N, C-alpha and C. Protein backbone atom coordinates (compact mmCIF):
# COMPACT_ATOMS: atom_id res chain seq x y z
N MET A 1 0.84 -1.19 0.01
CA MET A 1 0.00 0.00 0.00
C MET A 1 0.88 1.24 0.00
N GLN A 2 0.63 2.14 -0.92
CA GLN A 2 1.42 3.38 -1.00
C GLN A 2 0.60 4.50 -0.38
N TYR A 3 1.12 5.09 0.67
CA TYR A 3 0.40 6.17 1.34
C TYR A 3 0.86 7.53 0.83
N HIS A 4 0.08 8.54 1.13
CA HIS A 4 0.37 9.89 0.65
C HIS A 4 1.27 10.67 1.61
N ILE A 5 1.58 10.10 2.74
CA ILE A 5 2.43 10.77 3.72
C ILE A 5 2.99 9.70 4.63
N GLN A 6 4.09 9.97 5.29
CA GLN A 6 4.67 8.95 6.18
C GLN A 6 3.69 8.59 7.29
N THR A 7 3.62 7.30 7.60
CA THR A 7 2.64 6.83 8.59
C THR A 7 3.19 6.79 10.02
N ALA A 8 4.51 6.81 10.17
CA ALA A 8 5.10 6.70 11.52
C ALA A 8 4.57 7.77 12.48
N PRO A 9 4.49 9.04 12.08
CA PRO A 9 3.96 10.06 12.99
C PRO A 9 2.51 9.79 13.37
N LEU A 10 1.74 9.19 12.46
CA LEU A 10 0.35 8.88 12.77
C LEU A 10 0.25 7.77 13.80
N TRP A 11 1.07 6.73 13.64
CA TRP A 11 1.07 5.66 14.63
C TRP A 11 1.41 6.23 16.00
N ASP A 12 2.44 7.07 16.06
CA ASP A 12 2.86 7.66 17.33
C ASP A 12 1.75 8.52 17.94
N ALA A 13 1.12 9.32 17.11
CA ALA A 13 0.06 10.22 17.61
C ALA A 13 -1.14 9.44 18.13
N TYR A 14 -1.49 8.36 17.46
CA TYR A 14 -2.65 7.57 17.89
C TYR A 14 -2.38 6.74 19.12
N ARG A 15 -1.12 6.60 19.48
CA ARG A 15 -0.78 5.84 20.69
C ARG A 15 -0.74 6.74 21.92
N GLN A 16 -0.98 8.03 21.75
CA GLN A 16 -0.95 8.99 22.87
C GLN A 16 -2.34 9.51 23.16
N ASP A 17 -2.46 10.17 24.29
CA ASP A 17 -3.75 10.72 24.71
C ASP A 17 -4.09 11.98 23.91
N GLY A 18 -5.38 12.31 23.88
CA GLY A 18 -5.81 13.52 23.20
C GLY A 18 -6.04 13.27 21.71
N CYS A 19 -6.49 14.30 21.03
CA CYS A 19 -6.77 14.20 19.60
C CYS A 19 -5.44 14.01 18.84
N PRO A 20 -5.27 12.90 18.13
CA PRO A 20 -4.02 12.66 17.43
C PRO A 20 -3.76 13.66 16.32
N LEU A 21 -4.84 14.14 15.67
CA LEU A 21 -4.66 15.10 14.58
C LEU A 21 -4.28 16.48 15.13
N CYS A 22 -4.78 16.83 16.31
CA CYS A 22 -4.35 18.06 16.95
C CYS A 22 -2.85 18.00 17.26
N ARG A 23 -2.41 16.86 17.71
CA ARG A 23 -1.00 16.69 18.03
C ARG A 23 -0.13 16.86 16.78
N LEU A 24 -0.56 16.22 15.68
CA LEU A 24 0.19 16.34 14.44
C LEU A 24 0.16 17.77 13.89
N HIS A 25 -0.99 18.42 14.01
CA HIS A 25 -1.12 19.82 13.57
C HIS A 25 -0.14 20.69 14.33
N SER A 26 -0.09 20.48 15.66
CA SER A 26 0.80 21.27 16.51
C SER A 26 2.27 21.02 16.16
N MET A 27 2.60 19.76 15.90
CA MET A 27 3.99 19.43 15.55
C MET A 27 4.40 20.09 14.24
N ARG A 28 3.52 20.04 13.25
CA ARG A 28 3.83 20.66 11.96
C ARG A 28 3.90 22.17 12.09
N GLU A 29 3.02 22.70 12.89
CA GLU A 29 3.00 24.15 13.11
C GLU A 29 4.28 24.60 13.76
N ASP A 30 4.75 23.90 14.79
CA ASP A 30 6.01 24.25 15.47
C ASP A 30 7.18 24.17 14.51
N LYS A 31 7.17 23.14 13.64
CA LYS A 31 8.26 22.97 12.68
C LYS A 31 8.29 24.14 11.70
N LEU A 32 7.12 24.56 11.23
CA LEU A 32 7.05 25.68 10.29
C LEU A 32 7.52 26.98 10.94
N ILE A 33 7.09 27.19 12.20
CA ILE A 33 7.52 28.38 12.92
C ILE A 33 9.05 28.40 13.03
N SER A 34 9.62 27.25 13.35
CA SER A 34 11.08 27.16 13.47
C SER A 34 11.76 27.44 12.13
N GLN A 35 11.16 26.95 11.04
CA GLN A 35 11.74 27.19 9.73
C GLN A 35 11.77 28.66 9.38
N TYR A 36 10.73 29.38 9.74
CA TYR A 36 10.65 30.81 9.43
C TYR A 36 11.47 31.66 10.40
N LEU A 37 12.02 31.02 11.43
CA LEU A 37 12.89 31.74 12.36
C LEU A 37 14.35 31.24 12.29
N SER A 38 14.60 30.31 11.37
CA SER A 38 15.96 29.75 11.24
C SER A 38 16.68 30.46 10.10
N ASP A 39 17.76 29.83 9.64
CA ASP A 39 18.52 30.40 8.53
C ASP A 39 17.70 30.50 7.26
N ASN A 40 16.57 29.79 7.23
CA ASN A 40 15.70 29.86 6.04
C ASN A 40 15.15 31.26 5.83
N VAL A 41 15.26 32.08 6.84
CA VAL A 41 14.75 33.46 6.72
C VAL A 41 15.44 34.19 5.58
N MET A 42 16.66 33.77 5.24
CA MET A 42 17.39 34.42 4.15
C MET A 42 17.17 33.71 2.82
N ASP A 43 16.44 32.58 2.83
CA ASP A 43 16.17 31.85 1.59
C ASP A 43 15.20 32.64 0.73
N PRO A 44 15.53 32.88 -0.55
CA PRO A 44 14.66 33.70 -1.42
C PRO A 44 13.23 33.18 -1.48
N ASP A 45 13.03 31.84 -1.55
CA ASP A 45 11.68 31.29 -1.65
C ASP A 45 10.85 31.61 -0.41
N PHE A 46 11.48 31.50 0.75
CA PHE A 46 10.78 31.82 2.00
C PHE A 46 10.43 33.31 2.04
N ARG A 47 11.38 34.15 1.62
CA ARG A 47 11.13 35.59 1.71
C ARG A 47 10.05 36.04 0.72
N VAL A 48 10.08 35.46 -0.48
CA VAL A 48 9.05 35.80 -1.45
C VAL A 48 7.67 35.43 -0.93
N ALA A 49 7.57 34.23 -0.34
CA ALA A 49 6.30 33.77 0.19
C ALA A 49 5.79 34.64 1.33
N SER A 50 6.68 34.97 2.27
CA SER A 50 6.25 35.78 3.41
C SER A 50 5.99 37.23 2.99
N ASN A 51 6.74 37.74 2.03
CA ASN A 51 6.48 39.09 1.52
C ASN A 51 5.12 39.16 0.85
N ASN A 52 4.78 38.12 0.12
CA ASN A 52 3.56 38.12 -0.66
C ASN A 52 2.31 37.92 0.18
N LYS A 53 2.42 37.08 1.24
CA LYS A 53 1.24 36.69 2.01
C LYS A 53 1.25 37.19 3.44
N GLY A 54 2.42 37.21 4.07
CA GLY A 54 2.49 37.62 5.48
C GLY A 54 2.12 36.50 6.42
N PHE A 55 1.78 36.85 7.65
CA PHE A 55 1.45 35.89 8.70
C PHE A 55 0.18 36.33 9.43
N CYS A 56 -0.59 35.36 9.91
CA CYS A 56 -1.77 35.68 10.71
C CYS A 56 -1.35 36.08 12.11
N LYS A 57 -2.29 36.62 12.90
CA LYS A 57 -2.00 37.08 14.24
C LYS A 57 -1.45 35.96 15.12
N LYS A 58 -2.07 34.78 15.03
CA LYS A 58 -1.64 33.67 15.87
C LYS A 58 -0.18 33.30 15.60
N HIS A 59 0.18 33.18 14.33
CA HIS A 59 1.51 32.73 13.99
C HIS A 59 2.56 33.81 14.16
N ILE A 60 2.20 35.05 13.95
CA ILE A 60 3.19 36.10 14.22
C ILE A 60 3.46 36.21 15.72
N ASP A 61 2.44 35.94 16.55
CA ASP A 61 2.64 35.93 17.99
C ASP A 61 3.57 34.78 18.40
N MET A 62 3.39 33.62 17.75
CA MET A 62 4.26 32.47 18.04
C MET A 62 5.69 32.75 17.62
N MET A 63 5.85 33.40 16.49
CA MET A 63 7.20 33.75 16.02
C MET A 63 7.84 34.78 16.94
N TYR A 64 7.05 35.73 17.40
CA TYR A 64 7.58 36.77 18.28
C TYR A 64 8.01 36.17 19.62
N SER A 65 7.36 35.09 20.01
CA SER A 65 7.73 34.41 21.26
C SER A 65 8.99 33.58 21.10
N GLY A 66 9.44 33.40 19.86
CA GLY A 66 10.66 32.63 19.62
C GLY A 66 11.90 33.42 19.94
N LEU A 67 13.06 32.83 19.59
CA LEU A 67 14.34 33.41 19.99
C LEU A 67 14.94 34.33 18.93
N ASN A 68 14.52 34.16 17.67
CA ASN A 68 15.18 34.91 16.60
C ASN A 68 14.41 36.20 16.26
N LYS A 69 14.55 37.21 17.09
CA LYS A 69 13.87 38.49 16.85
C LYS A 69 14.45 39.17 15.62
N LEU A 70 15.75 38.98 15.36
CA LEU A 70 16.36 39.60 14.17
C LEU A 70 15.76 39.02 12.90
N GLY A 71 15.60 37.70 12.85
CA GLY A 71 15.03 37.06 11.67
C GLY A 71 13.60 37.54 11.44
N LEU A 72 12.86 37.67 12.49
CA LEU A 72 11.48 38.16 12.38
C LEU A 72 11.45 39.60 11.89
N ALA A 73 12.34 40.44 12.45
CA ALA A 73 12.41 41.85 12.06
C ALA A 73 12.73 41.98 10.57
N LEU A 74 13.65 41.16 10.07
CA LEU A 74 14.02 41.23 8.66
C LEU A 74 12.85 40.85 7.76
N GLN A 75 12.09 39.84 8.17
CA GLN A 75 10.94 39.44 7.38
C GLN A 75 9.85 40.51 7.37
N LEU A 76 9.61 41.11 8.53
CA LEU A 76 8.61 42.14 8.63
C LEU A 76 9.04 43.40 7.87
N GLU A 77 10.33 43.66 7.85
CA GLU A 77 10.85 44.82 7.11
C GLU A 77 10.55 44.70 5.61
N THR A 78 10.90 43.53 5.05
CA THR A 78 10.69 43.36 3.61
C THR A 78 9.21 43.21 3.28
N ARG A 79 8.44 42.67 4.23
CA ARG A 79 6.99 42.59 4.06
C ARG A 79 6.39 43.98 3.99
N ALA A 80 6.83 44.87 4.87
CA ALA A 80 6.34 46.26 4.85
C ALA A 80 6.72 46.94 3.54
N ALA A 81 7.94 46.69 3.05
CA ALA A 81 8.38 47.29 1.80
C ALA A 81 7.57 46.79 0.61
N ALA A 82 7.26 45.45 0.63
CA ALA A 82 6.49 44.87 -0.47
C ALA A 82 5.06 45.46 -0.50
N LEU A 83 4.46 45.65 0.66
CA LEU A 83 3.13 46.23 0.72
C LEU A 83 3.17 47.71 0.30
N ASN A 84 4.19 48.41 0.74
CA ASN A 84 4.30 49.83 0.43
C ASN A 84 4.38 50.04 -1.09
N ALA A 85 5.07 49.13 -1.78
CA ALA A 85 5.23 49.24 -3.21
C ALA A 85 3.90 49.07 -3.96
N LEU A 86 2.93 48.43 -3.32
CA LEU A 86 1.63 48.20 -3.96
C LEU A 86 0.70 49.40 -3.86
N ILE A 87 0.98 50.31 -2.96
CA ILE A 87 0.04 51.38 -2.64
C ILE A 87 0.29 52.62 -3.50
N LYS A 88 -0.69 52.94 -4.32
CA LYS A 88 -0.75 54.19 -5.06
C LYS A 88 -2.07 54.85 -4.69
N ALA A 89 -2.02 56.11 -4.32
CA ALA A 89 -3.23 56.79 -3.84
C ALA A 89 -4.34 56.72 -4.87
N PRO A 90 -5.49 56.13 -4.55
CA PRO A 90 -6.60 56.04 -5.50
C PRO A 90 -7.17 57.45 -5.82
N SER A 91 -7.59 57.58 -7.05
CA SER A 91 -8.16 58.88 -7.47
C SER A 91 -9.68 58.85 -7.54
N ASP A 92 -10.27 57.67 -7.46
CA ASP A 92 -11.73 57.57 -7.50
C ASP A 92 -12.17 56.27 -6.82
N LYS A 93 -13.48 56.05 -6.74
CA LYS A 93 -13.97 54.88 -6.01
C LYS A 93 -13.60 53.57 -6.71
N LYS A 94 -13.48 53.59 -8.03
CA LYS A 94 -13.12 52.37 -8.76
C LYS A 94 -11.69 51.97 -8.42
N SER A 95 -10.78 52.94 -8.46
CA SER A 95 -9.38 52.62 -8.16
C SER A 95 -9.19 52.31 -6.68
N ALA A 96 -10.06 52.89 -5.82
CA ALA A 96 -9.99 52.57 -4.40
C ALA A 96 -10.38 51.11 -4.14
N LYS A 97 -11.42 50.65 -4.81
CA LYS A 97 -11.84 49.24 -4.69
C LYS A 97 -10.76 48.31 -5.27
N LYS A 98 -10.13 48.75 -6.36
CA LYS A 98 -9.08 47.93 -6.96
C LYS A 98 -7.90 47.80 -6.01
N LEU A 99 -7.52 48.89 -5.35
CA LEU A 99 -6.41 48.83 -4.42
C LEU A 99 -6.78 47.93 -3.22
N ALA A 100 -8.01 48.07 -2.76
CA ALA A 100 -8.45 47.22 -1.65
C ALA A 100 -8.36 45.76 -2.01
N GLY A 101 -8.77 45.43 -3.25
CA GLY A 101 -8.69 44.05 -3.70
C GLY A 101 -7.25 43.56 -3.80
N THR A 102 -6.37 44.42 -4.28
CA THR A 102 -4.96 44.07 -4.37
C THR A 102 -4.36 43.78 -3.01
N LEU A 103 -4.66 44.64 -2.03
CA LEU A 103 -4.15 44.45 -0.68
C LEU A 103 -4.73 43.20 -0.03
N LYS A 104 -6.03 42.95 -0.26
CA LYS A 104 -6.64 41.74 0.28
C LYS A 104 -5.99 40.48 -0.27
N ALA A 105 -5.59 40.53 -1.55
CA ALA A 105 -4.96 39.38 -2.19
C ALA A 105 -3.58 39.09 -1.59
N HIS A 106 -2.99 40.10 -0.96
CA HIS A 106 -1.67 39.94 -0.34
C HIS A 106 -1.76 39.81 1.18
N ARG A 107 -2.97 39.54 1.69
CA ARG A 107 -3.17 39.38 3.12
C ARG A 107 -3.52 37.92 3.41
N GLY A 108 -2.75 37.28 4.23
CA GLY A 108 -3.00 35.89 4.55
C GLY A 108 -1.97 35.39 5.53
N CYS A 109 -1.58 34.12 5.38
CA CYS A 109 -0.57 33.54 6.27
C CYS A 109 0.07 32.36 5.59
N VAL A 110 1.36 32.47 5.39
CA VAL A 110 2.08 31.37 4.70
C VAL A 110 2.10 30.10 5.53
N ILE A 111 2.08 30.25 6.85
CA ILE A 111 2.07 29.07 7.72
C ILE A 111 0.73 28.38 7.70
N CYS A 112 -0.35 29.15 7.75
CA CYS A 112 -1.69 28.57 7.62
C CYS A 112 -1.83 27.85 6.28
N ASP A 113 -1.31 28.47 5.22
CA ASP A 113 -1.41 27.85 3.88
C ASP A 113 -0.66 26.52 3.84
N ALA A 114 0.52 26.47 4.47
CA ALA A 114 1.29 25.25 4.50
C ALA A 114 0.58 24.16 5.28
N LEU A 115 -0.04 24.53 6.39
CA LEU A 115 -0.82 23.55 7.18
C LEU A 115 -2.04 23.08 6.42
N ASP A 116 -2.70 24.00 5.72
CA ASP A 116 -3.87 23.60 4.93
C ASP A 116 -3.50 22.67 3.79
N GLU A 117 -2.25 22.71 3.38
CA GLU A 117 -1.80 21.82 2.31
C GLU A 117 -1.49 20.42 2.84
N VAL A 118 -0.88 20.34 4.02
CA VAL A 118 -0.41 19.04 4.52
C VAL A 118 -1.49 18.27 5.29
N MET A 119 -2.33 18.96 6.04
CA MET A 119 -3.28 18.24 6.90
C MET A 119 -4.25 17.32 6.13
N PRO A 120 -4.77 17.74 4.95
CA PRO A 120 -5.64 16.82 4.22
C PRO A 120 -4.96 15.49 3.89
N ARG A 121 -3.64 15.51 3.72
CA ARG A 121 -2.93 14.25 3.43
C ARG A 121 -2.91 13.35 4.65
N TYR A 122 -2.90 13.93 5.85
CA TYR A 122 -2.99 13.13 7.06
C TYR A 122 -4.37 12.47 7.14
N PHE A 123 -5.43 13.23 6.88
CA PHE A 123 -6.79 12.68 6.96
C PHE A 123 -6.96 11.54 5.94
N MET A 124 -6.43 11.75 4.74
CA MET A 124 -6.50 10.74 3.69
C MET A 124 -5.76 9.47 4.13
N THR A 125 -4.58 9.66 4.70
CA THR A 125 -3.76 8.52 5.09
C THR A 125 -4.38 7.77 6.25
N VAL A 126 -5.02 8.47 7.17
CA VAL A 126 -5.73 7.80 8.28
C VAL A 126 -6.77 6.83 7.71
N SER A 127 -7.53 7.26 6.72
CA SER A 127 -8.55 6.41 6.10
C SER A 127 -7.90 5.20 5.43
N GLN A 128 -6.81 5.43 4.76
CA GLN A 128 -6.14 4.31 4.09
C GLN A 128 -5.55 3.33 5.10
N MET A 129 -5.02 3.85 6.19
CA MET A 129 -4.49 2.98 7.23
C MET A 129 -5.60 2.15 7.86
N TYR A 130 -6.76 2.78 8.06
CA TYR A 130 -7.89 2.06 8.65
C TYR A 130 -8.25 0.83 7.78
N ALA A 131 -8.17 1.03 6.48
CA ALA A 131 -8.56 -0.04 5.55
C ALA A 131 -7.48 -1.08 5.37
N ASN A 132 -6.21 -0.75 5.62
CA ASN A 132 -5.13 -1.63 5.21
C ASN A 132 -4.16 -2.07 6.32
N GLU A 133 -4.25 -1.44 7.48
CA GLU A 133 -3.36 -1.83 8.59
C GLU A 133 -4.18 -2.56 9.65
N PRO A 134 -3.98 -3.85 9.83
CA PRO A 134 -4.83 -4.65 10.72
C PRO A 134 -4.91 -4.15 12.15
N GLU A 135 -3.86 -3.55 12.68
CA GLU A 135 -3.86 -3.12 14.07
C GLU A 135 -4.39 -1.69 14.25
N PHE A 136 -4.57 -0.97 13.13
CA PHE A 136 -4.94 0.44 13.25
C PHE A 136 -6.40 0.69 13.67
N PRO A 137 -7.38 -0.08 13.18
CA PRO A 137 -8.78 0.19 13.54
C PRO A 137 -9.02 0.26 15.05
N GLU A 138 -8.38 -0.62 15.82
CA GLU A 138 -8.58 -0.60 17.27
C GLU A 138 -8.03 0.69 17.88
N LEU A 139 -6.85 1.11 17.43
CA LEU A 139 -6.28 2.38 17.90
C LEU A 139 -7.21 3.53 17.55
N PHE A 140 -7.71 3.51 16.33
CA PHE A 140 -8.59 4.55 15.84
C PHE A 140 -9.86 4.63 16.68
N ALA A 141 -10.46 3.47 16.96
CA ALA A 141 -11.72 3.42 17.71
C ALA A 141 -11.55 3.93 19.13
N ASN A 142 -10.36 3.72 19.72
CA ASN A 142 -10.12 4.13 21.10
C ASN A 142 -9.67 5.59 21.22
N ALA A 143 -9.35 6.21 20.09
CA ALA A 143 -8.84 7.58 20.10
C ALA A 143 -9.98 8.57 20.32
N SER A 144 -9.59 9.75 20.81
CA SER A 144 -10.56 10.87 20.94
C SER A 144 -10.19 11.91 19.91
N HIS A 145 -11.12 12.21 19.02
CA HIS A 145 -10.89 13.22 17.99
C HIS A 145 -11.71 14.48 18.32
N CYS A 146 -11.08 15.63 18.21
CA CYS A 146 -11.84 16.87 18.41
C CYS A 146 -12.87 17.01 17.26
N LEU A 147 -13.87 17.85 17.49
CA LEU A 147 -14.93 18.01 16.49
C LEU A 147 -14.39 18.44 15.16
N SER A 148 -13.44 19.38 15.15
CA SER A 148 -12.89 19.89 13.91
C SER A 148 -12.25 18.79 13.07
N HIS A 149 -11.46 17.94 13.72
CA HIS A 149 -10.77 16.91 12.98
C HIS A 149 -11.66 15.70 12.70
N ALA A 150 -12.67 15.49 13.51
CA ALA A 150 -13.66 14.46 13.19
C ALA A 150 -14.39 14.80 11.90
N ILE A 151 -14.72 16.06 11.73
CA ILE A 151 -15.38 16.51 10.50
C ILE A 151 -14.49 16.20 9.29
N GLU A 152 -13.21 16.53 9.41
CA GLU A 152 -12.27 16.29 8.31
C GLU A 152 -12.14 14.79 8.02
N LEU A 153 -12.16 13.99 9.06
CA LEU A 153 -12.04 12.55 8.89
C LEU A 153 -13.29 11.97 8.21
N PHE A 154 -14.46 12.48 8.55
CA PHE A 154 -15.67 12.05 7.84
C PHE A 154 -15.57 12.39 6.35
N GLU A 155 -15.05 13.57 6.07
CA GLU A 155 -14.93 13.99 4.65
C GLU A 155 -13.93 13.13 3.90
N ALA A 156 -12.90 12.64 4.62
CA ALA A 156 -11.86 11.83 3.96
C ALA A 156 -12.15 10.34 4.03
N ALA A 157 -13.30 9.96 4.58
CA ALA A 157 -13.63 8.54 4.76
C ALA A 157 -13.64 7.76 3.45
N GLU A 158 -13.92 8.45 2.35
CA GLU A 158 -14.00 7.77 1.06
C GLU A 158 -12.72 7.00 0.70
N PHE A 159 -11.59 7.46 1.28
CA PHE A 159 -10.32 6.82 0.95
C PHE A 159 -10.12 5.50 1.69
N ALA A 160 -11.10 5.12 2.51
CA ALA A 160 -11.04 3.82 3.20
C ALA A 160 -11.65 2.71 2.36
N GLY A 161 -12.16 3.04 1.18
CA GLY A 161 -12.73 2.03 0.29
C GLY A 161 -13.87 1.27 0.91
N LYS A 162 -13.75 -0.06 0.92
CA LYS A 162 -14.83 -0.91 1.47
C LYS A 162 -14.97 -0.76 2.97
N SER A 163 -13.98 -0.14 3.63
CA SER A 163 -14.01 0.02 5.09
C SER A 163 -14.70 1.31 5.52
N VAL A 164 -15.29 2.04 4.57
CA VAL A 164 -15.97 3.31 4.89
C VAL A 164 -17.01 3.13 6.01
N PRO A 165 -17.93 2.14 5.89
CA PRO A 165 -18.94 2.00 6.95
C PRO A 165 -18.34 1.74 8.31
N ALA A 166 -17.30 0.90 8.38
CA ALA A 166 -16.68 0.57 9.67
C ALA A 166 -15.97 1.79 10.25
N LEU A 167 -15.26 2.54 9.39
CA LEU A 167 -14.58 3.74 9.87
C LEU A 167 -15.58 4.76 10.40
N CYS A 168 -16.64 4.99 9.65
CA CYS A 168 -17.63 5.98 10.05
C CYS A 168 -18.36 5.55 11.33
N ALA A 169 -18.59 4.26 11.48
CA ALA A 169 -19.23 3.77 12.70
C ALA A 169 -18.33 3.99 13.90
N ALA A 170 -17.04 3.65 13.76
CA ALA A 170 -16.09 3.83 14.85
C ALA A 170 -15.93 5.29 15.21
N LEU A 171 -15.85 6.15 14.20
CA LEU A 171 -15.66 7.57 14.45
C LEU A 171 -16.91 8.17 15.10
N SER A 172 -18.09 7.78 14.63
CA SER A 172 -19.33 8.27 15.22
C SER A 172 -19.47 7.85 16.66
N TYR A 173 -19.16 6.57 16.93
CA TYR A 173 -19.26 6.07 18.30
C TYR A 173 -18.33 6.83 19.24
N SER A 174 -17.07 7.00 18.81
CA SER A 174 -16.12 7.67 19.70
C SER A 174 -16.46 9.15 19.90
N LEU A 175 -16.96 9.80 18.86
CA LEU A 175 -17.34 11.21 18.98
C LEU A 175 -18.55 11.36 19.91
N LYS A 176 -19.53 10.50 19.75
CA LYS A 176 -20.69 10.55 20.64
C LYS A 176 -20.30 10.23 22.08
N ARG A 177 -19.39 9.28 22.24
CA ARG A 177 -18.87 8.95 23.59
C ARG A 177 -18.22 10.15 24.26
N ASP A 178 -17.39 10.85 23.50
CA ASP A 178 -16.66 11.98 24.07
C ASP A 178 -17.59 13.17 24.31
N LEU A 179 -18.58 13.37 23.44
CA LEU A 179 -19.54 14.45 23.63
C LEU A 179 -20.40 14.19 24.87
N LYS A 180 -20.79 12.92 25.06
CA LYS A 180 -21.57 12.55 26.23
C LYS A 180 -20.78 12.75 27.51
N ARG A 181 -19.52 12.33 27.50
CA ARG A 181 -18.68 12.55 28.66
C ARG A 181 -18.51 14.03 28.97
N THR A 182 -18.32 14.83 27.93
CA THR A 182 -18.17 16.28 28.11
C THR A 182 -19.45 16.89 28.68
N GLU A 183 -20.58 16.47 28.14
CA GLU A 183 -21.87 16.93 28.65
C GLU A 183 -22.01 16.64 30.15
N GLU A 184 -21.65 15.44 30.54
CA GLU A 184 -21.77 15.05 31.97
C GLU A 184 -20.79 15.83 32.83
N GLU A 185 -19.58 16.04 32.34
CA GLU A 185 -18.59 16.76 33.12
C GLU A 185 -18.99 18.22 33.33
N LEU A 186 -19.56 18.81 32.29
CA LEU A 186 -19.99 20.21 32.40
C LEU A 186 -21.23 20.34 33.30
N ARG A 187 -22.09 19.33 33.26
CA ARG A 187 -23.25 19.34 34.15
C ARG A 187 -22.79 19.24 35.60
N ASP A 188 -21.82 18.35 35.86
CA ASP A 188 -21.27 18.22 37.21
C ASP A 188 -20.61 19.52 37.66
N PHE A 189 -19.92 20.18 36.71
CA PHE A 189 -19.27 21.47 37.02
C PHE A 189 -20.32 22.49 37.43
N ALA A 190 -21.40 22.58 36.65
CA ALA A 190 -22.44 23.58 36.94
C ALA A 190 -23.17 23.24 38.24
N ASP A 191 -23.38 21.94 38.49
CA ASP A 191 -24.10 21.54 39.70
C ASP A 191 -23.36 21.94 40.97
N CYS A 192 -22.05 22.09 40.89
CA CYS A 192 -21.27 22.47 42.07
C CYS A 192 -21.64 23.88 42.56
N PHE A 193 -22.25 24.67 41.67
CA PHE A 193 -22.62 26.03 42.03
C PHE A 193 -24.06 26.14 42.55
N ASP A 194 -24.75 25.01 42.56
CA ASP A 194 -26.10 24.96 43.12
C ASP A 194 -26.01 25.01 44.64
N HIS A 195 -26.84 25.80 45.27
CA HIS A 195 -26.78 25.93 46.74
C HIS A 195 -27.03 24.59 47.43
N LYS A 196 -27.70 23.67 46.74
CA LYS A 196 -27.94 22.35 47.33
C LYS A 196 -26.65 21.56 47.47
N ASN A 197 -25.65 21.94 46.68
CA ASN A 197 -24.37 21.21 46.69
C ASN A 197 -23.26 22.04 47.31
N ALA A 198 -23.61 22.82 48.30
CA ALA A 198 -22.64 23.68 48.96
C ALA A 198 -21.47 22.84 49.46
N GLY A 199 -20.28 23.33 49.18
CA GLY A 199 -19.07 22.63 49.58
C GLY A 199 -18.47 21.77 48.49
N SER A 200 -19.24 21.51 47.41
CA SER A 200 -18.73 20.75 46.29
C SER A 200 -17.70 21.60 45.52
N ARG A 201 -16.67 20.95 45.02
CA ARG A 201 -15.62 21.66 44.30
C ARG A 201 -15.65 21.26 42.82
N PRO A 202 -15.86 22.25 41.92
CA PRO A 202 -15.90 21.91 40.51
C PRO A 202 -14.53 21.48 39.98
N ASP A 203 -14.55 20.61 38.99
CA ASP A 203 -13.32 20.15 38.36
C ASP A 203 -12.80 21.26 37.45
N PRO A 204 -11.66 21.88 37.75
CA PRO A 204 -11.18 23.01 36.96
C PRO A 204 -10.78 22.64 35.55
N SER A 205 -10.58 21.34 35.28
CA SER A 205 -10.17 20.94 33.94
C SER A 205 -11.35 20.62 33.02
N ALA A 206 -12.58 20.69 33.55
CA ALA A 206 -13.75 20.32 32.76
C ALA A 206 -13.94 21.25 31.57
N ILE A 207 -13.85 22.55 31.80
CA ILE A 207 -14.06 23.51 30.72
C ILE A 207 -12.94 23.45 29.69
N PRO A 208 -11.66 23.43 30.09
CA PRO A 208 -10.59 23.30 29.09
C PRO A 208 -10.73 22.06 28.22
N ARG A 209 -11.14 20.92 28.83
CA ARG A 209 -11.34 19.70 28.05
C ARG A 209 -12.47 19.89 27.05
N ALA A 210 -13.54 20.53 27.48
CA ALA A 210 -14.68 20.79 26.58
C ALA A 210 -14.27 21.68 25.41
N ILE A 211 -13.47 22.69 25.70
CA ILE A 211 -13.02 23.59 24.64
C ILE A 211 -12.20 22.85 23.60
N LYS A 212 -11.29 21.97 24.06
CA LYS A 212 -10.48 21.20 23.11
C LYS A 212 -11.32 20.33 22.21
N LEU A 213 -12.41 19.81 22.74
CA LEU A 213 -13.28 18.94 21.96
C LEU A 213 -14.19 19.71 21.02
N LEU A 214 -14.77 20.80 21.53
CA LEU A 214 -15.87 21.46 20.83
C LEU A 214 -15.49 22.61 19.91
N ILE A 215 -14.45 23.33 20.24
CA ILE A 215 -14.14 24.54 19.50
C ILE A 215 -13.30 24.24 18.31
N THR A 216 -13.85 24.48 17.10
CA THR A 216 -13.14 24.22 15.87
C THR A 216 -12.18 25.36 15.52
N GLU A 217 -11.25 25.05 14.66
CA GLU A 217 -10.25 26.05 14.27
C GLU A 217 -10.87 27.11 13.39
């Protein structure tokens, strides 16, 4: 079986707690951040990409938290110059809209784009592994997937071939299981504030766990 991406990171992620796709997304994200803060900052391809698209608020904050402030400053400097070169004062509403469109086309995030390119290959490969790796379905069934990545896995289920019904059943069961558990944990959390339960202490991790499951990217 020829997969679209290396399977070793998927095996590792599915053997750990939490959403395995969130773990892989975070690993890829950290790697990309490091690349844009390393010597690659002087690579023409990296500079052209960052000049053309820029970075979103989340990823620029992550880069600013890194160690290479000089590398970040150099990228932001040339990004500012590239944007400045696009701006010519509009003389009427038509040219104003045209300039707005030009600037919008240069607003985005190269790191988000890279993640959007690689993550679908993970979802596709998970489906293929489910159909072709004998030990994988049990790992998959026992895993907890966040809502965002469960949606992506349902969309990629077609790549499981004849195993589509089994994959969808396992994913549905685990998602319903985790939603039910979250519902119960949040109810217990809220009940602690009822005067009838004076002295009860709410679980402080209930809400963070719910957020990880429910809040999509």
